[in-house]
PDB file of N, CA and C in Angstrom:
ATOM      1  N   UNK A   1      -1.224 -12.797 -20.347  1.00  0.00           N
ATOM      2  CA  UNK A   1      -0.251 -12.234 -19.433  1.00  0.00           C
ATOM      3  C   UNK A   1       0.064 -13.267 -18.364  1.00  0.00           C
ATOM      4  N   UNK A   2       1.327 -13.594 -18.212  1.00  0.00           N
ATOM      5  CA  UNK A   2       1.691 -14.561 -17.181  1.00  0.00           C
ATOM      6  C   UNK A   2       1.909 -13.828 -15.864  1.00  0.00           C
ATOM      7  N   UNK A   3       1.533 -14.486 -14.804  1.00  0.00           N
ATOM      8  CA  UNK A   3       1.620 -13.900 -13.476  1.00  0.00           C
ATOM      9  C   UNK A   3       2.869 -14.439 -12.781  1.00  0.00           C
ATOM     10  N   UNK A   4       3.710 -13.555 -12.312  1.00  0.00           N
ATOM     11  CA  UNK A   4       4.887 -13.941 -11.545  1.00  0.00           C
ATOM     12  C   UNK A   4       4.576 -13.690 -10.076  1.00  0.00           C
ATOM     13  N   UNK A   5       4.180 -14.749  -9.388  1.00  0.00           N
ATOM     14  CA  UNK A   5       3.742 -14.631  -7.997  1.00  0.00           C
ATOM     15  C   UNK A   5       4.831 -14.034  -7.113  1.00  0.00           C
ATOM     16  N   UNK A   6       6.067 -14.430  -7.324  1.00  0.00           N
ATOM     17  CA  UNK A   6       7.161 -13.912  -6.500  1.00  0.00           C
ATOM     18  C   UNK A   6       7.337 -12.403  -6.700  1.00  0.00           C
ATOM     19  N   UNK A   7       7.208 -11.945  -7.937  1.00  0.00           N
ATOM     20  CA  UNK A   7       7.314 -10.505  -8.202  1.00  0.00           C
ATOM     21  C   UNK A   7       6.165  -9.769  -7.519  1.00  0.00           C
ATOM     22  N   UNK A   8       4.959 -10.332  -7.600  1.00  0.00           N
ATOM     23  CA  UNK A   8       3.803  -9.705  -6.955  1.00  0.00           C
ATOM     24  C   UNK A   8       4.000  -9.605  -5.451  1.00  0.00           C
ATOM     25  N   UNK A   9       4.498 -10.672  -4.834  1.00  0.00           N
ATOM     26  CA  UNK A   9       4.750 -10.660  -3.392  1.00  0.00           C
ATOM     27  C   UNK A   9       5.794  -9.612  -3.038  1.00  0.00           C
ATOM     28  N   UNK A  10       6.810  -9.480  -3.892  1.00  0.00           N
ATOM     29  CA  UNK A  10       7.865  -8.490  -3.660  1.00  0.00           C
ATOM     30  C   UNK A  10       7.286  -7.076  -3.714  1.00  0.00           C
ATOM     31  N   UNK A  11       6.475  -6.795  -4.724  1.00  0.00           N
ATOM     32  CA  UNK A  11       5.861  -5.470  -4.863  1.00  0.00           C
ATOM     33  C   UNK A  11       4.962  -5.177  -3.666  1.00  0.00           C
ATOM     34  N   UNK A  12       4.152  -6.146  -3.269  1.00  0.00           N
ATOM     35  CA  UNK A  12       3.250  -5.945  -2.138  1.00  0.00           C
ATOM     36  C   UNK A  12       4.041  -5.756  -0.849  1.00  0.00           C
ATOM     37  N   UNK A  13       5.159  -6.449  -0.711  1.00  0.00           N
ATOM     38  CA  UNK A  13       6.035  -6.249   0.446  1.00  0.00           C
ATOM     39  C   UNK A  13       6.631  -4.852   0.460  1.00  0.00           C
ATOM     40  N   UNK A  14       7.007  -4.342  -0.718  1.00  0.00           N
ATOM     41  CA  UNK A  14       7.552  -2.988  -0.814  1.00  0.00           C
ATOM     42  C   UNK A  14       6.498  -1.946  -0.433  1.00  0.00           C
ATOM     43  N   UNK A  15       5.267  -2.183  -0.838  1.00  0.00           N
ATOM     44  CA  UNK A  15       4.179  -1.265  -0.478  1.00  0.00           C
ATOM     45  C   UNK A  15       3.979  -1.263   1.037  1.00  0.00           C
ATOM     46  N   UNK A  16       3.944  -2.450   1.635  1.00  0.00           N
ATOM     47  CA  UNK A  16       3.792  -2.539   3.092  1.00  0.00           C
ATOM     48  C   UNK A  16       4.931  -1.818   3.802  1.00  0.00           C
ATOM     49  N   UNK A  17       6.143  -2.024   3.335  1.00  0.00           N
ATOM     50  CA  UNK A  17       7.324  -1.395   3.953  1.00  0.00           C
ATOM     51  C   UNK A  17       7.227   0.126   3.853  1.00  0.00           C
ATOM     52  N   UNK A  18       6.800   0.630   2.695  1.00  0.00           N
ATOM     53  CA  UNK A  18       6.625   2.075   2.527  1.00  0.00           C
ATOM     54  C   UNK A  18       5.633   2.613   3.548  1.00  0.00           C
ATOM     55  N   UNK A  19       4.492   1.953   3.664  1.00  0.00           N
ATOM     56  CA  UNK A  19       3.469   2.409   4.605  1.00  0.00           C
ATOM     57  C   UNK A  19       3.961   2.302   6.050  1.00  0.00           C
ATOM     58  N   UNK A  20       4.704   1.247   6.344  1.00  0.00           N
ATOM     59  CA  UNK A  20       5.263   1.049   7.688  1.00  0.00           C
ATOM     60  C   UNK A  20       6.267   2.163   8.005  1.00  0.00           C
ATOM     61  N   UNK A  21       7.169   2.428   7.076  1.00  0.00           N
ATOM     62  CA  UNK A  21       8.217   3.430   7.297  1.00  0.00           C
ATOM     63  C   UNK A  21       7.656   4.849   7.353  1.00  0.00           C
ATOM     64  N   UNK A  22       6.635   5.140   6.537  1.00  0.00           N
ATOM     65  CA  UNK A  22       6.054   6.479   6.516  1.00  0.00           C
ATOM     66  C   UNK A  22       5.294   6.787   7.791  1.00  0.00           C
ATOM     67  N   UNK A  23       4.642   5.781   8.344  1.00  0.00           N
ATOM     68  CA  UNK A  23       3.836   5.944   9.559  1.00  0.00           C
ATOM     69  C   UNK A  23       2.859   7.109   9.435  1.00  0.00           C
ATOM     70  N   UNK A  24       2.400   7.341   8.215  1.00  0.00           N
ATOM     71  CA  UNK A  24       1.411   8.395   7.976  1.00  0.00           C
ATOM     72  C   UNK A  24       0.615   8.008   6.739  1.00  0.00           C
ATOM     73  N   UNK A  25      -0.391   8.794   6.460  1.00  0.00           N
ATOM     74  CA  UNK A  25      -1.194   8.584   5.273  1.00  0.00           C
ATOM     75  C   UNK A  25      -0.307   8.673   4.033  1.00  0.00           C
ATOM     76  N   UNK A  26      -0.415   7.700   3.161  1.00  0.00           N
ATOM     77  CA  UNK A  26       0.367   7.670   1.925  1.00  0.00           C
ATOM     78  C   UNK A  26      -0.602   7.649   0.755  1.00  0.00           C
ATOM     79  N   UNK A  27      -0.410   8.536  -0.208  1.00  0.00           N
ATOM     80  CA  UNK A  27      -1.338   8.666  -1.321  1.00  0.00           C
ATOM     81  C   UNK A  27      -1.100   7.589  -2.382  1.00  0.00           C
ATOM     82  N   UNK A  28      -2.105   7.408  -3.218  1.00  0.00           N
ATOM     83  CA  UNK A  28      -2.000   6.459  -4.325  1.00  0.00           C
ATOM     84  C   UNK A  28      -0.828   6.825  -5.227  1.00  0.00           C
ATOM     85  N   UNK A  29      -0.657   8.116  -5.507  1.00  0.00           N
ATOM     86  CA  UNK A  29       0.429   8.537  -6.391  1.00  0.00           C
ATOM     87  C   UNK A  29       1.800   8.221  -5.807  1.00  0.00           C
ATOM     88  N   UNK A  30       1.950   8.347  -4.502  1.00  0.00           N
ATOM     89  CA  UNK A  30       3.222   7.985  -3.859  1.00  0.00           C
ATOM     90  C   UNK A  30       3.488   6.484  -3.991  1.00  0.00           C
ATOM     91  N   UNK A  31       2.447   5.688  -3.806  1.00  0.00           N
ATOM     92  CA  UNK A  31       2.589   4.240  -3.928  1.00  0.00           C
ATOM     93  C   UNK A  31       2.852   3.852  -5.368  1.00  0.00           C
ATOM     94  N   UNK A  32       2.154   4.478  -6.290  1.00  0.00           N
ATOM     95  CA  UNK A  32       2.341   4.204  -7.712  1.00  0.00           C
ATOM     96  C   UNK A  32       3.767   4.534  -8.150  1.00  0.00           C
ATOM     97  N   UNK A  33       4.326   5.618  -7.629  1.00  0.00           N
ATOM     98  CA  UNK A  33       5.710   5.987  -7.956  1.00  0.00           C
ATOM     99  C   UNK A  33       6.684   4.928  -7.447  1.00  0.00           C
ATOM    100  N   UNK A  34       6.387   4.353  -6.294  1.00  0.00           N
ATOM    101  CA  UNK A  34       7.231   3.296  -5.741  1.00  0.00           C
ATOM    102  C   UNK A  34       7.230   2.062  -6.626  1.00  0.00           C
ATOM    103  N   UNK A  35       6.045   1.641  -7.057  1.00  0.00           N
ATOM    104  CA  UNK A  35       5.945   0.388  -7.806  1.00  0.00           C
ATOM    105  C   UNK A  35       6.470   0.513  -9.232  1.00  0.00           C
ATOM    106  N   UNK A  36       6.417   1.718  -9.786  1.00  0.00           N
ATOM    107  CA  UNK A  36       6.816   1.945 -11.187  1.00  0.00           C
ATOM    108  C   UNK A  36       6.053   1.017 -12.136  1.00  0.00           C
ATOM    109  N   UNK A  37       4.796   0.781 -11.802  1.00  0.00           N
ATOM    110  CA  UNK A  37       3.901  -0.070 -12.596  1.00  0.00           C
ATOM    111  C   UNK A  37       2.719   0.765 -13.054  1.00  0.00           C
ATOM    112  N   UNK A  38       1.991   0.286 -14.057  1.00  0.00           N
ATOM    113  CA  UNK A  38       0.775   1.002 -14.465  1.00  0.00           C
ATOM    114  C   UNK A  38      -0.183   1.148 -13.279  1.00  0.00           C
ATOM    115  N   UNK A  39      -0.968   2.209 -13.318  1.00  0.00           N
ATOM    116  CA  UNK A  39      -1.887   2.470 -12.211  1.00  0.00           C
ATOM    117  C   UNK A  39      -2.834   1.307 -11.960  1.00  0.00           C
ATOM    118  N   UNK A  40      -3.258   0.630 -13.027  1.00  0.00           N
ATOM    119  CA  UNK A  40      -4.179  -0.502 -12.852  1.00  0.00           C
ATOM    120  C   UNK A  40      -3.514  -1.630 -12.059  1.00  0.00           C
ATOM    121  N   UNK A  41      -2.224  -1.841 -12.272  1.00  0.00           N
ATOM    122  CA  UNK A  41      -1.522  -2.891 -11.534  1.00  0.00           C
ATOM    123  C   UNK A  41      -1.305  -2.473 -10.076  1.00  0.00           C
ATOM    124  N   UNK A  42      -1.021  -1.207  -9.866  1.00  0.00           N
ATOM    125  CA  UNK A  42      -0.892  -0.706  -8.499  1.00  0.00           C
ATOM    126  C   UNK A  42      -2.217  -0.873  -7.757  1.00  0.00           C
ATOM    127  N   UNK A  43      -3.325  -0.570  -8.416  1.00  0.00           N
ATOM    128  CA  UNK A  43      -4.649  -0.758  -7.806  1.00  0.00           C
ATOM    129  C   UNK A  43      -4.864  -2.221  -7.433  1.00  0.00           C
ATOM    130  N   UNK A  44      -4.425  -3.130  -8.298  1.00  0.00           N
ATOM    131  CA  UNK A  44      -4.562  -4.561  -8.005  1.00  0.00           C
ATOM    132  C   UNK A  44      -3.828  -4.897  -6.705  1.00  0.00           C
ATOM    133  N   UNK A  45      -2.583  -4.460  -6.597  1.00  0.00           N
ATOM    134  CA  UNK A  45      -1.786  -4.775  -5.400  1.00  0.00           C
ATOM    135  C   UNK A  45      -2.418  -4.186  -4.146  1.00  0.00           C
ATOM    136  N   UNK A  46      -2.940  -2.985  -4.248  1.00  0.00           N
ATOM    137  CA  UNK A  46      -3.613  -2.375  -3.104  1.00  0.00           C
ATOM    138  C   UNK A  46      -4.875  -3.146  -2.737  1.00  0.00           C
ATOM    139  N   UNK A  47      -5.624  -3.602  -3.737  1.00  0.00           N
ATOM    140  CA  UNK A  47      -6.827  -4.405  -3.477  1.00  0.00           C
ATOM    141  C   UNK A  47      -6.474  -5.701  -2.757  1.00  0.00           C
ATOM    142  N   UNK A  48      -5.392  -6.345  -3.172  1.00  0.00           N
ATOM    143  CA  UNK A  48      -4.962  -7.591  -2.529  1.00  0.00           C
ATOM    144  C   UNK A  48      -4.601  -7.322  -1.068  1.00  0.00           C
ATOM    145  N   UNK A  49      -3.808  -6.282  -0.832  1.00  0.00           N
ATOM    146  CA  UNK A  49      -3.394  -5.970   0.538  1.00  0.00           C
ATOM    147  C   UNK A  49      -4.580  -5.572   1.404  1.00  0.00           C
ATOM    148  N   UNK A  50      -5.549  -4.822   0.843  1.00  0.00           N
ATOM    149  CA  UNK A  50      -6.761  -4.482   1.595  1.00  0.00           C
ATOM    150  C   UNK A  50      -7.563  -5.739   1.899  1.00  0.00           C
ATOM    151  N   UNK A  51      -7.679  -6.628   0.920  1.00  0.00           N
ATOM    152  CA  UNK A  51      -8.419  -7.872   1.107  1.00  0.00           C
ATOM    153  C   UNK A  51      -7.831  -8.753   2.192  1.00  0.00           C
ATOM    154  N   UNK A  52      -6.524  -8.654   2.377  1.00  0.00           N
ATOM    155  CA  UNK A  52      -5.842  -9.428   3.422  1.00  0.00           C
ATOM    156  C   UNK A  52      -5.873  -8.705   4.773  1.00  0.00           C
ATOM    157  N   UNK A  53      -6.430  -7.507   4.786  1.00  0.00           N
ATOM    158  CA  UNK A  53      -6.521  -6.737   6.028  1.00  0.00           C
ATOM    159  C   UNK A  53      -5.201  -6.116   6.455  1.00  0.00           C
ATOM    160  N   UNK A  54      -4.252  -5.960   5.522  1.00  0.00           N
ATOM    161  CA  UNK A  54      -2.930  -5.442   5.862  1.00  0.00           C
ATOM    162  C   UNK A  54      -2.824  -3.928   5.703  1.00  0.00           C
ATOM    163  N   UNK A  55      -3.711  -3.344   4.887  1.00  0.00           N
ATOM    164  CA  UNK A  55      -3.771  -1.898   4.723  1.00  0.00           C
ATOM    165  C   UNK A  55      -5.235  -1.484   4.706  1.00  0.00           C
ATOM    166  N   UNK A  56      -5.461  -0.194   4.867  1.00  0.00           N
ATOM    167  CA  UNK A  56      -6.831   0.328   4.801  1.00  0.00           C
ATOM    168  C   UNK A  56      -6.830   1.700   4.156  1.00  0.00           C
ATOM    169  N   UNK A  57      -7.985   2.048   3.580  1.00  0.00           N
ATOM    170  CA  UNK A  57      -8.173   3.393   3.037  1.00  0.00           C
ATOM    171  C   UNK A  57      -8.302   4.354   4.205  1.00  0.00           C
ATOM    172  N   UNK A  58      -7.854   5.575   3.982  1.00  0.00           N
ATOM    173  CA  UNK A  58      -7.920   6.579   5.039  1.00  0.00           C
ATOM    174  C   UNK A  58      -8.128   7.944   4.411  1.00  0.00           C
ATOM    175  N   UNK A  59      -8.892   8.770   5.080  1.00  0.00           N
ATOM    176  CA  UNK A  59      -9.072  10.173   4.690  1.00  0.00           C
ATOM    177  C   UNK A  59      -8.414  11.040   5.749  1.00  0.00           C
ATOM    178  N   UNK A  60      -7.769  12.095   5.293  1.00  0.00           N
ATOM    179  CA  UNK A  60      -7.172  13.066   6.199  1.00  0.00           C
ATOM    180  C   UNK A  60      -7.711  14.435   5.818  1.00  0.00           C
ATOM    181  N   UNK A  61      -8.135  15.183   6.823  1.00  0.00           N
ATOM    182  CA  UNK A  61      -8.649  16.525   6.582  1.00  0.00           C
ATOM    183  C   UNK A  61      -7.775  17.503   7.352  1.00  0.00           C
ATOM    184  N   UNK A  62      -7.231  18.445   6.626  1.00  0.00           N
ATOM    185  CA  UNK A  62      -6.390  19.457   7.269  1.00  0.00           C
ATOM    186  C   UNK A  62      -6.325  20.701   6.414  1.00  0.00           C
ATOM    187  N   UNK A  63      -6.526  21.827   7.025  1.00  0.00           N
ATOM    188  CA  UNK A  63      -6.466  23.092   6.301  1.00  0.00           C
ATOM    189  C   UNK A  63      -7.489  23.190   5.187  1.00  0.00           C
ATOM    190  N   UNK A  64      -8.616  22.533   5.375  1.00  0.00           N
ATOM    191  CA  UNK A  64      -9.665  22.571   4.364  1.00  0.00           C
ATOM    192  C   UNK A  64      -9.411  21.655   3.181  1.00  0.00           C
ATOM    193  N   UNK A  65      -8.372  20.833   3.270  1.00  0.00           N
ATOM    194  CA  UNK A  65      -8.026  19.914   2.178  1.00  0.00           C
ATOM    195  C   UNK A  65      -8.272  18.480   2.633  1.00  0.00           C
ATOM    196  N   UNK A  66      -8.966  17.725   1.799  1.00  0.00           N
ATOM    197  CA  UNK A  66      -9.209  16.316   2.076  1.00  0.00           C
ATOM    198  C   UNK A  66      -8.218  15.501   1.233  1.00  0.00           C
ATOM    199  N   UNK A  67      -7.456  14.644   1.902  1.00  0.00           N
ATOM    200  CA  UNK A  67      -6.496  13.788   1.216  1.00  0.00           C
ATOM    201  C   UNK A  67      -6.923  12.344   1.399  1.00  0.00           C
ATOM    202  N   UNK A  68      -6.980  11.635   0.277  1.00  0.00           N
ATOM    203  CA  UNK A  68      -7.304  10.212   0.317  1.00  0.00           C
ATOM    204  C   UNK A  68      -6.010   9.431   0.190  1.00  0.00           C
ATOM    205  N   UNK A  69      -5.913   8.371   0.963  1.00  0.00           N
ATOM    206  CA  UNK A  69      -4.701   7.573   0.892  1.00  0.00           C
ATOM    207  C   UNK A  69      -4.868   6.244   1.591  1.00  0.00           C
ATOM    208  N   UNK A  70      -3.743   5.701   2.000  1.00  0.00           N
ATOM    209  CA  UNK A  70      -3.703   4.379   2.604  1.00  0.00           C
ATOM    210  C   UNK A  70      -2.803   4.418   3.826  1.00  0.00           C
ATOM    211  N   UNK A  71      -3.109   3.538   4.777  1.00  0.00           N
ATOM    212  CA  UNK A  71      -2.242   3.368   5.929  1.00  0.00           C
ATOM    213  C   UNK A  71      -2.172   1.888   6.266  1.00  0.00           C
ATOM    214  N   UNK A  72      -1.109   1.511   6.917  1.00  0.00           N
ATOM    215  CA  UNK A  72      -0.902   0.121   7.295  1.00  0.00           C
ATOM    216  C   UNK A  72      -1.753  -0.182   8.530  1.00  0.00           C
ATOM    217  N   UNK A  73      -2.237  -1.402   8.635  1.00  0.00           N
ATOM    218  CA  UNK A  73      -3.025  -1.820   9.790  1.00  0.00           C
ATOM    219  C   UNK A  73      -2.106  -2.532  10.789  1.00  0.00           C
ATOM    220  N   UNK A  74      -2.658  -2.881  11.934  1.00  0.00           N
ATOM    221  CA  UNK A  74      -1.887  -3.633  12.927  1.00  0.00           C
ATOM    222  C   UNK A  74      -1.412  -4.956  12.323  1.00  0.00           C
ATOM    223  N   UNK A  75      -2.264  -5.603  11.526  1.00  0.00           N
ATOM    224  CA  UNK A  75      -1.870  -6.847  10.873  1.00  0.00           C
ATOM    225  C   UNK A  75      -0.735  -6.643   9.890  1.00  0.00           C
ATOM    226  N   UNK A  76      -0.747  -5.516   9.200  1.00  0.00           N
ATOM    227  CA  UNK A  76       0.330  -5.195   8.275  1.00  0.00           C
ATOM    228  C   UNK A  76       1.637  -4.952   8.994  1.00  0.00           C
ATOM    229  N   UNK A  77       1.567  -4.233  10.124  1.00  0.00           N
ATOM    230  CA  UNK A  77       2.778  -3.989  10.929  1.00  0.00           C
ATOM    231  C   UNK A  77       3.337  -5.308  11.443  1.00  0.00           C
ATOM    232  N   UNK A  78       2.447  -6.193  11.869  1.00  0.00           N
ATOM    233  CA  UNK A  78       2.884  -7.509  12.365  1.00  0.00           C
ATOM    234  C   UNK A  78       3.593  -8.276  11.246  1.00  0.00           C
ATOM    235  N   UNK A  79       3.037  -8.231  10.044  1.00  0.00           N
ATOM    236  CA  UNK A  79       3.643  -8.908   8.910  1.00  0.00           C
ATOM    237  C   UNK A  79       5.063  -8.395   8.658  1.00  0.00           C
ATOM    238  N   UNK A  80       5.251  -7.082   8.688  1.00  0.00           N
ATOM    239  CA  UNK A  80       6.577  -6.486   8.480  1.00  0.00           C
ATOM    240  C   UNK A  80       7.525  -6.889   9.599  1.00  0.00           C
ATOM    241  N   UNK A  81       7.072  -6.819  10.830  1.00  0.00           N
ATOM    242  CA  UNK A  81       7.936  -7.110  11.978  1.00  0.00           C
ATOM    243  C   UNK A  81       8.370  -8.567  12.039  1.00  0.00           C
ATOM    244  N   UNK A  82       7.562  -9.470  11.494  1.00  0.00           N
ATOM    245  CA  UNK A  82       7.875 -10.902  11.543  1.00  0.00           C
ATOM    246  C   UNK A  82       8.748 -11.366  10.392  1.00  0.00           C
ATOM    247  N   UNK A  83       9.091 -10.445   9.473  1.00  0.00           N
ATOM    248  CA  UNK A  83       9.954 -10.816   8.346  1.00  0.00           C
ATOM    249  C   UNK A  83      11.399 -10.771   8.748  1.00  0.00           C
TER     250      UNK A  83
END
């Protein structure tokens, strides 16, 4: 499988933008729907962004329901704002 670095950067930028625009917890399924890629590839992109400190895992508890998702970090917001 050949890696297209520019495509990967574009996908990761789209994920950051989604998290920035949502300004709330965003689930894996919402992110996966955005990327339109296999779940394993979406997980890869999320791992890269977490490794760079641009996003973080987050739990939300409300109404007895626990939701797992992701949110953008201050570093991620800075990255979006500087583009």
